[in-house]
N, C-alpha and C. Protein backbone atom coordinates (compact mmCIF):
# COMPACT_ATOMS: atom_id res chain seq x y z
N UNK A 1 116.92 108.56 107.76
CA UNK A 1 116.23 108.21 108.83
C UNK A 1 114.71 107.84 108.64
N UNK A 2 114.11 106.65 109.25
CA UNK A 2 112.90 106.17 108.74
C UNK A 2 111.82 107.49 109.37
N UNK A 3 110.67 107.55 108.61
CA UNK A 3 109.87 108.87 109.14
C UNK A 3 108.59 107.52 109.39
N UNK A 4 107.95 107.87 110.61
CA UNK A 4 106.83 107.14 111.35
C UNK A 4 105.81 108.16 111.39
N UNK A 5 104.58 107.72 110.91
CA UNK A 5 103.34 108.63 111.48
C UNK A 5 102.56 107.86 112.33
N UNK A 6 102.44 108.78 113.55
CA UNK A 6 101.95 108.05 114.79
C UNK A 6 100.88 108.72 114.91
N UNK A 7 99.41 107.95 114.47
CA UNK A 7 98.28 108.43 114.63
C UNK A 7 97.64 107.84 116.00
N UNK A 8 97.61 108.92 116.92
CA UNK A 8 96.77 108.62 118.32
C UNK A 8 96.32 109.85 119.00
N UNK A 9 95.05 109.93 119.41
CA UNK A 9 94.06 110.78 119.81
C UNK A 9 94.33 110.98 121.44
N UNK A 10 95.17 109.94 122.16
CA UNK A 10 95.33 110.34 123.63
C UNK A 10 96.54 111.24 123.73
N UNK A 11 96.53 112.08 124.03
CA UNK A 11 97.77 113.01 124.22
C UNK A 11 98.96 112.59 124.90
N UNK A 12 98.67 111.98 126.05
CA UNK A 12 99.94 111.46 127.12
C UNK A 12 100.49 110.20 125.90
N UNK A 13 99.65 109.20 125.41
CA UNK A 13 100.12 108.08 124.78
C UNK A 13 100.81 108.84 123.77
N UNK A 14 100.55 109.61 123.10
CA UNK A 14 101.00 110.09 121.89
C UNK A 14 102.39 110.83 121.96
N UNK A 15 102.73 111.54 123.21
CA UNK A 15 103.64 112.04 123.59
C UNK A 15 104.76 111.31 124.14
N UNK A 16 104.33 110.25 124.68
CA UNK A 16 105.27 109.02 125.37
C UNK A 16 105.63 108.38 124.18
N UNK A 17 105.02 107.65 123.32
CA UNK A 17 105.50 107.04 122.15
C UNK A 17 106.24 107.56 121.16
N UNK A 18 105.96 109.06 121.23
CA UNK A 18 106.75 109.96 119.97
C UNK A 18 108.00 110.14 120.63
N UNK A 19 108.44 110.83 121.81
CA UNK A 19 109.36 110.59 122.44
C UNK A 19 110.36 109.38 122.65
N UNK A 20 109.69 108.20 122.60
CA UNK A 20 110.42 106.99 122.80
C UNK A 20 111.07 106.76 121.23
N UNK A 21 110.07 106.78 120.27
CA UNK A 21 110.59 106.57 118.78
C UNK A 21 111.80 107.53 118.45
N UNK A 22 111.41 108.57 118.68
CA UNK A 22 112.48 109.76 118.45
C UNK A 22 113.66 109.47 118.96
N UNK A 23 113.99 109.02 120.11
CA UNK A 23 115.12 108.44 120.82
C UNK A 23 115.69 107.38 120.23
N UNK A 24 115.11 106.46 119.50
CA UNK A 24 115.72 105.30 118.77
C UNK A 24 116.01 105.92 117.37
N UNK A 25 115.86 107.07 117.26
CA UNK A 25 116.29 107.32 115.74
C UNK A 25 115.18 107.74 114.59
N UNK A 26 114.18 107.65 115.03
CA UNK A 26 112.95 107.96 114.11
C UNK A 26 112.82 109.41 113.94
N UNK A 27 112.23 109.99 112.91
CA UNK A 27 111.49 111.05 112.63
C UNK A 27 109.94 110.39 112.77
N UNK A 28 109.39 111.43 113.79
CA UNK A 28 107.84 111.08 114.12
C UNK A 28 106.86 112.43 113.62
N UNK A 29 106.19 111.91 112.79
CA UNK A 29 105.10 112.84 112.52
C UNK A 29 104.05 112.33 113.09
N UNK A 30 103.04 113.16 113.64
CA UNK A 30 101.81 112.59 114.22
C UNK A 30 100.45 113.29 113.79
N UNK A 31 99.67 112.67 114.27
CA UNK A 31 97.98 113.06 113.92
C UNK A 31 97.11 112.38 114.83
N UNK A 32 96.14 113.60 115.16
CA UNK A 32 95.30 113.03 116.26
C UNK A 32 93.82 112.66 115.85
N UNK A 33 93.60 112.43 114.73
CA UNK A 33 92.34 111.60 114.07
C UNK A 33 92.70 111.22 112.85
N UNK A 34 91.69 110.43 112.58
CA UNK A 34 91.67 109.54 111.18
C UNK A 34 91.63 110.64 109.73
N UNK A 35 91.12 111.99 109.99
CA UNK A 35 91.43 112.70 108.82
C UNK A 35 92.56 113.13 108.75
N UNK A 36 93.32 113.62 109.97
CA UNK A 36 94.64 114.33 109.77
C UNK A 36 95.46 113.19 109.10
N UNK A 37 95.32 111.98 110.06
CA UNK A 37 96.13 110.92 109.27
C UNK A 37 96.32 110.63 108.04
N UNK A 38 95.06 110.66 107.18
CA UNK A 38 95.03 110.68 105.62
C UNK A 38 95.69 111.55 104.90
N UNK A 39 95.49 112.98 105.64
CA UNK A 39 96.03 114.08 104.87
C UNK A 39 97.75 114.18 105.28
N UNK A 40 98.02 113.83 106.39
CA UNK A 40 99.59 113.92 106.92
C UNK A 40 100.39 112.73 106.10
N UNK A 41 99.58 111.57 105.76
CA UNK A 41 100.11 110.27 105.16
C UNK A 41 100.30 110.77 103.70
N UNK A 42 99.37 111.50 103.27
CA UNK A 42 99.69 112.23 101.77
C UNK A 42 100.70 113.35 101.69
N UNK A 43 100.77 113.98 102.50
CA UNK A 43 101.89 115.39 102.54
C UNK A 43 103.42 114.87 103.41
N UNK A 44 103.31 113.91 104.17
CA UNK A 44 104.39 113.85 104.96
C UNK A 44 105.24 112.53 104.57
N UNK A 45 104.62 111.72 103.39
CA UNK A 45 105.48 110.56 102.91
C UNK A 45 106.04 110.03 104.08
N UNK A 46 105.10 109.32 104.93
CA UNK A 46 105.95 108.09 105.94
C UNK A 46 106.25 106.82 105.40
N UNK A 47 107.41 106.13 106.18
CA UNK A 47 107.50 104.95 105.79
C UNK A 47 106.55 104.06 106.42
N UNK A 48 106.24 104.32 107.30
CA UNK A 48 105.03 103.23 107.92
C UNK A 48 104.25 103.99 109.09
N UNK A 49 103.21 103.61 109.16
CA UNK A 49 101.94 104.53 109.83
C UNK A 49 101.77 103.24 111.29
N UNK A 50 101.84 103.85 112.50
CA UNK A 50 101.20 103.19 113.48
C UNK A 50 99.72 104.17 113.73
N UNK A 51 98.75 103.24 113.32
CA UNK A 51 97.37 103.68 113.49
C UNK A 51 96.73 103.31 114.76
N UNK A 52 96.21 104.17 115.42
CA UNK A 52 95.21 104.04 116.74
C UNK A 52 93.96 103.84 115.79
N UNK A 53 93.14 102.72 116.15
CA UNK A 53 91.85 102.42 115.44
C UNK A 53 90.61 103.07 116.14
N UNK A 54 90.87 103.38 117.35
CA UNK A 54 89.72 104.27 117.87
C UNK A 54 89.92 105.63 118.02
N UNK A 55 89.60 106.44 116.95
CA UNK A 55 89.68 107.89 116.72
C UNK A 55 88.50 108.81 116.23
N UNK A 56 88.71 110.05 116.69
CA UNK A 56 87.87 110.68 116.15
C UNK A 56 87.76 111.22 114.92
N UNK A 57 86.76 111.95 114.35
CA UNK A 57 86.28 112.38 113.19
C UNK A 57 86.11 111.17 112.36
N UNK A 58 87.37 110.38 111.88
CA UNK A 58 87.20 109.22 110.96
C UNK A 58 88.09 108.50 111.87
N UNK A 59 87.55 107.21 112.20
CA UNK A 59 88.21 106.26 112.97
C UNK A 59 89.45 105.55 112.20
N UNK A 60 90.44 104.86 112.87
CA UNK A 60 91.36 104.04 112.27
C UNK A 60 90.95 103.18 111.12
N UNK A 61 89.58 102.25 111.15
CA UNK A 61 89.41 101.43 110.27
C UNK A 61 89.15 102.09 108.91
N UNK A 62 88.65 103.30 108.90
CA UNK A 62 88.24 104.04 107.66
C UNK A 62 89.16 104.83 107.15
N UNK A 63 90.03 105.62 108.05
CA UNK A 63 91.33 105.94 107.56
C UNK A 63 92.19 105.05 106.77
N UNK A 64 92.34 103.82 107.47
CA UNK A 64 93.09 102.83 106.83
C UNK A 64 92.59 102.49 105.41
N UNK A 65 91.40 102.09 105.57
CA UNK A 65 90.90 101.95 104.06
C UNK A 65 91.14 103.01 103.10
N UNK A 66 91.01 104.29 103.57
CA UNK A 66 91.41 105.22 102.43
C UNK A 66 92.60 105.23 102.43
N UNK A 67 93.51 105.15 103.08
CA UNK A 67 94.82 105.12 102.62
C UNK A 67 95.34 103.99 101.85
N UNK A 68 94.69 102.64 101.89
CA UNK A 68 94.89 101.59 101.04
C UNK A 68 94.32 101.81 99.70
N UNK A 69 93.52 102.51 99.84
CA UNK A 69 92.51 102.77 98.42
C UNK A 69 93.27 103.49 97.33
N UNK A 70 94.01 104.45 98.10
CA UNK A 70 94.90 105.55 97.21
C UNK A 70 96.17 104.98 96.95
N UNK A 71 96.43 105.70 95.45
CA UNK A 71 97.63 104.92 94.78
C UNK A 71 98.82 105.62 95.48
N UNK A 72 98.55 106.85 95.92
CA UNK A 72 100.17 107.26 96.60
C UNK A 72 100.31 106.66 97.89
N UNK A 73 99.43 106.08 98.70
CA UNK A 73 99.79 105.75 100.10
C UNK A 73 99.41 104.19 100.30
N UNK A 74 99.10 103.75 99.09
CA UNK A 74 98.78 102.09 99.70
C UNK A 74 99.93 101.28 99.83
N UNK A 75 101.19 101.71 99.69
CA UNK A 75 102.14 100.64 99.77
C UNK A 75 102.79 101.24 101.18
N UNK A 76 102.64 101.98 101.94
CA UNK A 76 102.92 102.25 103.24
C UNK A 76 102.27 101.41 104.29
N UNK A 77 103.02 100.70 104.92
CA UNK A 77 102.75 99.77 105.72
C UNK A 77 102.09 100.24 106.97
N UNK A 78 101.08 99.61 107.57
CA UNK A 78 100.31 100.22 108.44
C UNK A 78 100.05 99.22 109.42
N UNK A 79 100.43 99.43 110.64
CA UNK A 79 100.43 98.39 111.89
C UNK A 79 99.25 99.17 112.90
N UNK A 80 97.94 98.37 112.97
CA UNK A 80 96.96 98.93 113.73
C UNK A 80 97.19 98.79 115.20
N UNK A 81 96.92 99.83 116.06
CA UNK A 81 97.32 99.78 117.54
C UNK A 81 96.14 100.08 118.20
N UNK A 82 95.66 98.84 118.94
CA UNK A 82 94.24 99.19 119.73
C UNK A 82 94.44 98.31 121.03
N UNK A 83 93.59 98.82 121.90
CA UNK A 83 93.41 97.85 123.29
C UNK A 83 92.36 96.78 123.23
N UNK A 84 91.71 96.79 122.04
CA UNK A 84 90.86 95.44 121.92
C UNK A 84 91.69 94.41 121.34
N UNK A 85 91.76 93.36 122.07
CA UNK A 85 92.81 92.16 121.67
C UNK A 85 92.26 90.84 121.43
N UNK A 86 91.07 90.82 121.02
CA UNK A 86 90.58 89.67 120.45
C UNK A 86 90.91 89.25 119.08
N UNK A 87 90.75 88.13 118.96
CA UNK A 87 91.28 87.71 117.38
C UNK A 87 90.51 88.33 116.18
N UNK A 88 89.15 88.67 116.73
CA UNK A 88 87.98 89.26 115.74
C UNK A 88 88.70 90.72 115.23
N UNK A 89 89.11 91.19 116.62
CA UNK A 89 89.59 92.85 116.17
C UNK A 89 90.80 92.60 115.18
N UNK A 90 91.88 91.67 115.37
CA UNK A 90 92.92 91.39 114.45
C UNK A 90 92.30 91.32 113.13
N UNK A 91 91.44 90.40 113.06
CA UNK A 91 91.00 90.28 111.73
C UNK A 91 90.39 91.27 111.07
N UNK A 92 89.52 92.15 111.86
CA UNK A 92 89.05 93.45 111.33
C UNK A 92 89.84 94.32 111.01
N UNK A 93 90.81 94.53 111.62
CA UNK A 93 92.17 95.50 111.19
C UNK A 93 92.72 94.92 109.97
N UNK A 94 93.05 93.52 109.95
CA UNK A 94 93.51 93.10 108.66
C UNK A 94 92.48 93.42 107.39
N UNK A 95 90.97 93.07 107.54
CA UNK A 95 90.59 93.43 106.63
C UNK A 95 90.54 94.88 106.24
N UNK A 96 90.60 95.74 106.90
CA UNK A 96 90.54 97.02 106.63
C UNK A 96 91.88 97.57 105.98
N UNK A 97 92.90 96.57 105.84
CA UNK A 97 93.82 97.09 105.13
C UNK A 97 95.21 97.17 106.12
N UNK A 98 94.89 96.96 107.15
CA UNK A 98 96.36 96.84 108.05
C UNK A 98 97.40 95.76 107.66
N UNK A 99 98.47 96.14 107.83
CA UNK A 99 99.64 95.03 107.51
C UNK A 99 99.93 94.30 108.63
N UNK A 100 99.70 94.87 109.95
CA UNK A 100 100.13 94.23 111.09
C UNK A 100 99.20 94.78 112.02
N UNK A 101 99.35 94.15 113.43
CA UNK A 101 98.43 94.22 114.55
C UNK A 101 99.11 94.28 115.60
N UNK A 102 99.02 95.41 116.65
CA UNK A 102 99.88 95.23 118.19
C UNK A 102 98.78 95.85 119.05
N UNK A 103 98.70 95.42 120.26
CA UNK A 103 98.03 95.96 121.22
C UNK A 103 98.33 96.80 122.25
N UNK A 104 97.52 97.75 122.96
CA UNK A 104 97.82 98.82 123.89
C UNK A 104 97.49 98.16 125.03
N UNK A 105 98.08 98.55 126.14
CA UNK A 105 99.37 99.46 126.11
C UNK A 105 100.49 98.68 125.25
N UNK A 106 101.35 99.74 124.73
CA UNK A 106 102.19 99.47 123.92
C UNK A 106 103.35 98.66 124.39
N UNK A 107 103.90 97.44 124.04
CA UNK A 107 105.10 96.88 124.54
C UNK A 107 106.04 97.54 123.50
N UNK A 108 106.87 98.11 123.88
CA UNK A 108 107.83 98.89 122.96
C UNK A 108 108.74 97.89 122.04
N UNK A 109 109.66 96.88 123.00
CA UNK A 109 110.32 96.10 122.11
C UNK A 109 109.72 95.35 121.22
N UNK A 110 108.51 94.78 121.52
CA UNK A 110 107.83 93.87 120.67
C UNK A 110 107.35 95.05 119.22
N UNK A 111 106.88 96.08 119.54
CA UNK A 111 106.39 96.92 118.52
C UNK A 111 107.51 97.24 117.89
N UNK A 112 108.59 97.64 118.19
CA UNK A 112 109.98 98.29 117.51
C UNK A 112 110.08 96.99 116.50
N UNK A 113 110.23 95.66 117.34
CA UNK A 113 110.48 94.59 116.13
C UNK A 113 109.74 94.54 114.94
N UNK A 114 108.45 94.80 115.06
CA UNK A 114 107.52 94.64 113.98
C UNK A 114 107.57 95.75 113.17
N UNK A 115 107.99 97.23 113.62
CA UNK A 115 108.56 98.33 112.88
C UNK A 115 109.71 98.00 112.04
N UNK A 116 110.48 97.40 112.52
CA UNK A 116 111.52 97.10 111.78
C UNK A 116 111.58 95.93 110.79
N UNK A 117 110.83 95.37 110.93
CA UNK A 117 110.55 94.21 110.08
C UNK A 117 109.86 94.77 108.84
N UNK A 118 108.87 95.54 109.06
CA UNK A 118 108.41 96.11 108.15
C UNK A 118 109.12 97.30 107.40
N UNK A 119 109.92 97.78 107.78
CA UNK A 119 110.55 98.86 107.06
C UNK A 119 111.98 97.92 106.34
N UNK A 120 112.32 96.88 106.81
CA UNK A 120 113.21 96.21 106.15
C UNK A 120 112.55 95.66 105.07
N UNK A 121 111.36 95.15 105.09
CA UNK A 121 110.66 94.60 103.65
C UNK A 121 110.35 95.64 102.99
N UNK A 122 110.26 96.84 103.04
CA UNK A 122 109.78 97.86 102.39
C UNK A 122 111.08 98.32 101.63
N UNK A 123 112.15 98.39 102.31
CA UNK A 123 113.50 98.79 101.63
C UNK A 123 113.81 97.56 100.82
N UNK A 124 113.29 96.26 100.81
CA UNK A 124 114.05 95.02 100.35
C UNK A 124 115.31 94.76 100.79
N UNK A 125 115.93 93.59 99.97
CA UNK A 125 117.08 92.78 100.55
C UNK A 125 118.35 93.85 100.06
């Protein structure tokens, strides 16, 4: 079973997305801020991270930079989740180290397609 770290500070969004991912067979770890995301990524060994970019304590941009700078977490794919949908926001997410980008509100089929693609690439052919 693949393990997803869902980083989301909004309780309703976190609970809804966590339940939907769990129903689809994923093990879901959660974090409510960027500092907790970094800690959970290091201790929970997720296969992929869904990172809200607007977070308290440490924002998603900085949490991503820290995860991509660390040897033990740099290979974990990170999909940025943000309500900001401008091309410059996607570029900023990729510059921070995100491997992919998706907008909120979450379109679950589209997000699941991205998750599966990244998990498949991580497992290899």
